[in-house]
Amino acid sequence: MINLEALQSVRLVTVKGKRLAVLNANDWEKLIECLEDMEDLQVARSVLAKLKAAGNDYERAGWLKWDDVEAELD
C-alpha cells in the first residue's frame, strides 16, 4: 500500500491556467497499485457477502465449478 509520505510528495503547479498535481513516477505506480488493491478488496467483500447470503452454498451464490470452467479454457 502507498504510504502517506508518497502522497505528501505531490506538488501542485499551475500550467496555462490549469492546476496539476505532480509526483514521482514510483509514487504514481504505488498509488495506482493501492487503488487496484482497494478495488480488489471491494470485489472480494461483495462476493463473500453474496456467499454468506446464500447460506455458504457456492452454487446458490452463483459460483462455478472449476471442472466446468477449466473445460471452457482448453
N, C-alpha and C. Protein backbone atom coordinates (compact mmCIF):
# COMPACT_ATOMS: atom_id res chain seq x y z
N MET A 1 0.84 -1.19 0.00
CA MET A 1 0.00 0.00 0.00
C MET A 1 0.87 1.24 0.00
N ILE A 2 0.31 2.28 -0.53
CA ILE A 2 1.04 3.55 -0.58
C ILE A 2 1.06 4.16 0.83
N ASN A 3 2.16 4.76 1.16
CA ASN A 3 2.21 5.40 2.48
C ASN A 3 1.91 6.88 2.34
N LEU A 4 1.65 7.49 3.47
CA LEU A 4 1.27 8.90 3.48
C LEU A 4 2.40 9.78 2.96
N GLU A 5 3.64 9.36 3.17
CA GLU A 5 4.78 10.13 2.69
C GLU A 5 4.74 10.31 1.17
N ALA A 6 4.35 9.27 0.45
CA ALA A 6 4.27 9.36 -1.00
C ALA A 6 3.23 10.40 -1.43
N LEU A 7 2.09 10.42 -0.74
CA LEU A 7 1.06 11.40 -1.08
C LEU A 7 1.50 12.81 -0.72
N GLN A 8 2.29 12.95 0.32
CA GLN A 8 2.76 14.26 0.71
C GLN A 8 3.82 14.80 -0.24
N SER A 9 4.36 13.93 -1.08
CA SER A 9 5.37 14.38 -2.05
C SER A 9 4.75 15.05 -3.27
N VAL A 10 3.45 15.03 -3.37
CA VAL A 10 2.75 15.64 -4.51
C VAL A 10 2.99 17.15 -4.49
N ARG A 11 3.30 17.69 -5.66
CA ARG A 11 3.48 19.13 -5.82
C ARG A 11 2.38 19.66 -6.75
N LEU A 12 1.77 20.73 -6.35
CA LEU A 12 0.73 21.34 -7.17
C LEU A 12 1.35 22.47 -7.97
N VAL A 13 1.09 22.47 -9.26
CA VAL A 13 1.60 23.51 -10.15
C VAL A 13 0.46 24.01 -11.03
N THR A 14 0.64 25.20 -11.55
CA THR A 14 -0.34 25.75 -12.49
C THR A 14 0.36 25.95 -13.82
N VAL A 15 -0.22 25.35 -14.86
CA VAL A 15 0.33 25.46 -16.21
C VAL A 15 -0.81 25.91 -17.12
N LYS A 16 -0.61 27.05 -17.77
CA LYS A 16 -1.61 27.60 -18.69
C LYS A 16 -2.99 27.67 -18.03
N GLY A 17 -3.00 28.06 -16.76
CA GLY A 17 -4.26 28.24 -16.05
C GLY A 17 -4.87 26.98 -15.47
N LYS A 18 -4.22 25.85 -15.67
CA LYS A 18 -4.75 24.59 -15.13
C LYS A 18 -3.89 24.13 -13.96
N ARG A 19 -4.57 23.73 -12.86
CA ARG A 19 -3.84 23.20 -11.70
C ARG A 19 -3.55 21.72 -11.95
N LEU A 20 -2.32 21.36 -11.74
CA LEU A 20 -1.89 19.98 -11.95
C LEU A 20 -1.19 19.46 -10.70
N ALA A 21 -1.31 18.16 -10.48
CA ALA A 21 -0.59 17.50 -9.39
C ALA A 21 0.58 16.75 -10.01
N VAL A 22 1.76 16.96 -9.48
CA VAL A 22 2.97 16.32 -10.00
C VAL A 22 3.55 15.45 -8.88
N LEU A 23 3.86 14.21 -9.23
CA LEU A 23 4.50 13.34 -8.25
C LEU A 23 5.48 12.41 -8.94
N ASN A 24 6.37 11.88 -8.16
CA ASN A 24 7.38 10.95 -8.63
C ASN A 24 6.70 9.76 -9.30
N ALA A 25 7.29 9.26 -10.39
CA ALA A 25 6.70 8.13 -11.13
C ALA A 25 6.56 6.89 -10.24
N ASN A 26 7.53 6.65 -9.37
CA ASN A 26 7.42 5.50 -8.46
C ASN A 26 6.25 5.66 -7.51
N ASP A 27 6.04 6.88 -7.01
CA ASP A 27 4.90 7.13 -6.13
C ASP A 27 3.59 6.98 -6.90
N TRP A 28 3.57 7.41 -8.16
CA TRP A 28 2.38 7.24 -9.00
C TRP A 28 2.04 5.76 -9.14
N GLU A 29 3.05 4.94 -9.41
CA GLU A 29 2.82 3.50 -9.55
C GLU A 29 2.31 2.89 -8.24
N LYS A 30 2.86 3.36 -7.11
CA LYS A 30 2.38 2.88 -5.81
C LYS A 30 0.92 3.27 -5.59
N LEU A 31 0.57 4.49 -6.00
CA LEU A 31 -0.80 4.96 -5.85
C LEU A 31 -1.75 4.11 -6.69
N ILE A 32 -1.40 3.84 -7.92
CA ILE A 32 -2.23 3.00 -8.79
C ILE A 32 -2.38 1.61 -8.19
N GLU A 33 -1.29 1.04 -7.71
CA GLU A 33 -1.32 -0.29 -7.10
C GLU A 33 -2.24 -0.30 -5.88
N CYS A 34 -2.17 0.75 -5.09
CA CYS A 34 -3.03 0.86 -3.91
C CYS A 34 -4.51 0.92 -4.31
N LEU A 35 -4.82 1.70 -5.31
CA LEU A 35 -6.21 1.80 -5.79
C LEU A 35 -6.70 0.47 -6.34
N GLU A 36 -5.83 -0.25 -7.05
CA GLU A 36 -6.20 -1.57 -7.57
C GLU A 36 -6.45 -2.54 -6.42
N ASP A 37 -5.61 -2.49 -5.38
CA ASP A 37 -5.81 -3.35 -4.21
C ASP A 37 -7.13 -3.04 -3.53
N MET A 38 -7.47 -1.76 -3.42
CA MET A 38 -8.73 -1.37 -2.79
C MET A 38 -9.92 -1.89 -3.61
N GLU A 39 -9.80 -1.82 -4.93
CA GLU A 39 -10.86 -2.33 -5.80
C GLU A 39 -11.01 -3.84 -5.63
N ASP A 40 -9.87 -4.54 -5.57
CA ASP A 40 -9.90 -6.00 -5.36
C ASP A 40 -10.57 -6.36 -4.04
N LEU A 41 -10.26 -5.61 -2.99
CA LEU A 41 -10.88 -5.86 -1.69
C LEU A 41 -12.38 -5.64 -1.74
N GLN A 42 -12.80 -4.62 -2.46
CA GLN A 42 -14.23 -4.34 -2.58
C GLN A 42 -14.94 -5.50 -3.29
N VAL A 43 -14.34 -6.02 -4.33
CA VAL A 43 -14.92 -7.15 -5.06
C VAL A 43 -14.98 -8.37 -4.16
N ALA A 44 -13.90 -8.64 -3.44
CA ALA A 44 -13.85 -9.80 -2.55
C ALA A 44 -14.92 -9.70 -1.46
N ARG A 45 -15.07 -8.53 -0.88
CA ARG A 45 -16.09 -8.35 0.16
C ARG A 45 -17.49 -8.57 -0.40
N SER A 46 -17.73 -8.09 -1.60
CA SER A 46 -19.04 -8.26 -2.23
C SER A 46 -19.34 -9.73 -2.50
N VAL A 47 -18.35 -10.44 -3.02
CA VAL A 47 -18.52 -11.86 -3.32
C VAL A 47 -18.76 -12.66 -2.04
N LEU A 48 -18.00 -12.35 -0.99
CA LEU A 48 -18.18 -13.06 0.27
C LEU A 48 -19.53 -12.76 0.90
N ALA A 49 -20.02 -11.53 0.76
CA ALA A 49 -21.35 -11.18 1.27
C ALA A 49 -22.43 -11.95 0.52
N LYS A 50 -22.25 -12.08 -0.79
CA LYS A 50 -23.20 -12.84 -1.60
C LYS A 50 -23.18 -14.31 -1.19
N LEU A 51 -22.00 -14.85 -0.93
CA LEU A 51 -21.89 -16.24 -0.50
C LEU A 51 -22.56 -16.43 0.86
N LYS A 52 -22.34 -15.51 1.77
CA LYS A 52 -22.96 -15.60 3.09
C LYS A 52 -24.47 -15.54 2.98
N ALA A 53 -24.98 -14.65 2.13
CA ALA A 53 -26.43 -14.52 1.92
C ALA A 53 -27.03 -15.79 1.33
N ALA A 54 -26.21 -16.56 0.62
CA ALA A 54 -26.67 -17.82 0.03
C ALA A 54 -26.45 -18.99 0.99
N GLY A 55 -26.21 -18.69 2.26
CA GLY A 55 -26.02 -19.74 3.25
C GLY A 55 -24.75 -20.54 3.02
N ASN A 56 -23.74 -19.89 2.49
CA ASN A 56 -22.45 -20.52 2.16
C ASN A 56 -22.58 -21.65 1.14
N ASP A 57 -23.64 -21.59 0.36
CA ASP A 57 -23.85 -22.56 -0.73
C ASP A 57 -23.27 -21.94 -2.00
N TYR A 58 -22.14 -22.48 -2.43
CA TYR A 58 -21.43 -21.91 -3.58
C TYR A 58 -22.30 -21.87 -4.84
N GLU A 59 -23.04 -22.93 -5.06
CA GLU A 59 -23.87 -23.00 -6.27
C GLU A 59 -24.96 -21.94 -6.23
N ARG A 60 -25.64 -21.80 -5.10
CA ARG A 60 -26.69 -20.78 -4.96
C ARG A 60 -26.13 -19.37 -5.09
N ALA A 61 -24.88 -19.22 -4.69
CA ALA A 61 -24.23 -17.90 -4.77
C ALA A 61 -23.78 -17.59 -6.19
N GLY A 62 -23.89 -18.57 -7.09
CA GLY A 62 -23.53 -18.33 -8.48
C GLY A 62 -22.10 -18.70 -8.83
N TRP A 63 -21.42 -19.39 -7.92
CA TRP A 63 -20.04 -19.80 -8.19
C TRP A 63 -20.05 -20.95 -9.17
N LEU A 64 -19.06 -21.01 -10.01
CA LEU A 64 -18.93 -22.08 -10.99
C LEU A 64 -17.99 -23.16 -10.47
N LYS A 65 -18.19 -24.38 -10.95
CA LYS A 65 -17.28 -25.47 -10.59
C LYS A 65 -16.03 -25.36 -11.46
N TRP A 66 -14.89 -25.59 -10.85
CA TRP A 66 -13.61 -25.47 -11.56
C TRP A 66 -13.58 -26.36 -12.80
N ASP A 67 -14.07 -27.58 -12.68
CA ASP A 67 -14.02 -28.50 -13.82
C ASP A 67 -14.78 -27.94 -15.02
N ASP A 68 -15.90 -27.27 -14.78
CA ASP A 68 -16.66 -26.68 -15.87
C ASP A 68 -15.91 -25.50 -16.50
N VAL A 69 -15.30 -24.68 -15.69
CA VAL A 69 -14.55 -23.53 -16.18
C VAL A 69 -13.30 -23.99 -16.90
N GLU A 70 -12.60 -24.94 -16.32
CA GLU A 70 -11.36 -25.44 -16.92
C GLU A 70 -11.63 -26.00 -18.31
N ALA A 71 -12.75 -26.71 -18.49
CA ALA A 71 -13.10 -27.28 -19.78
C ALA A 71 -13.27 -26.18 -20.83
N GLU A 72 -13.82 -25.04 -20.44
CA GLU A 72 -14.04 -23.94 -21.36
C GLU A 72 -12.72 -23.29 -21.76
N LEU A 73 -11.72 -23.35 -20.89
CA LEU A 73 -10.43 -22.72 -21.16
C LEU A 73 -9.58 -23.52 -22.14
N ASP A 74 -9.80 -24.80 -22.19
CA ASP A 74 -8.99 -25.66 -23.07
C ASP A 74 -9.36 -25.55 -24.52
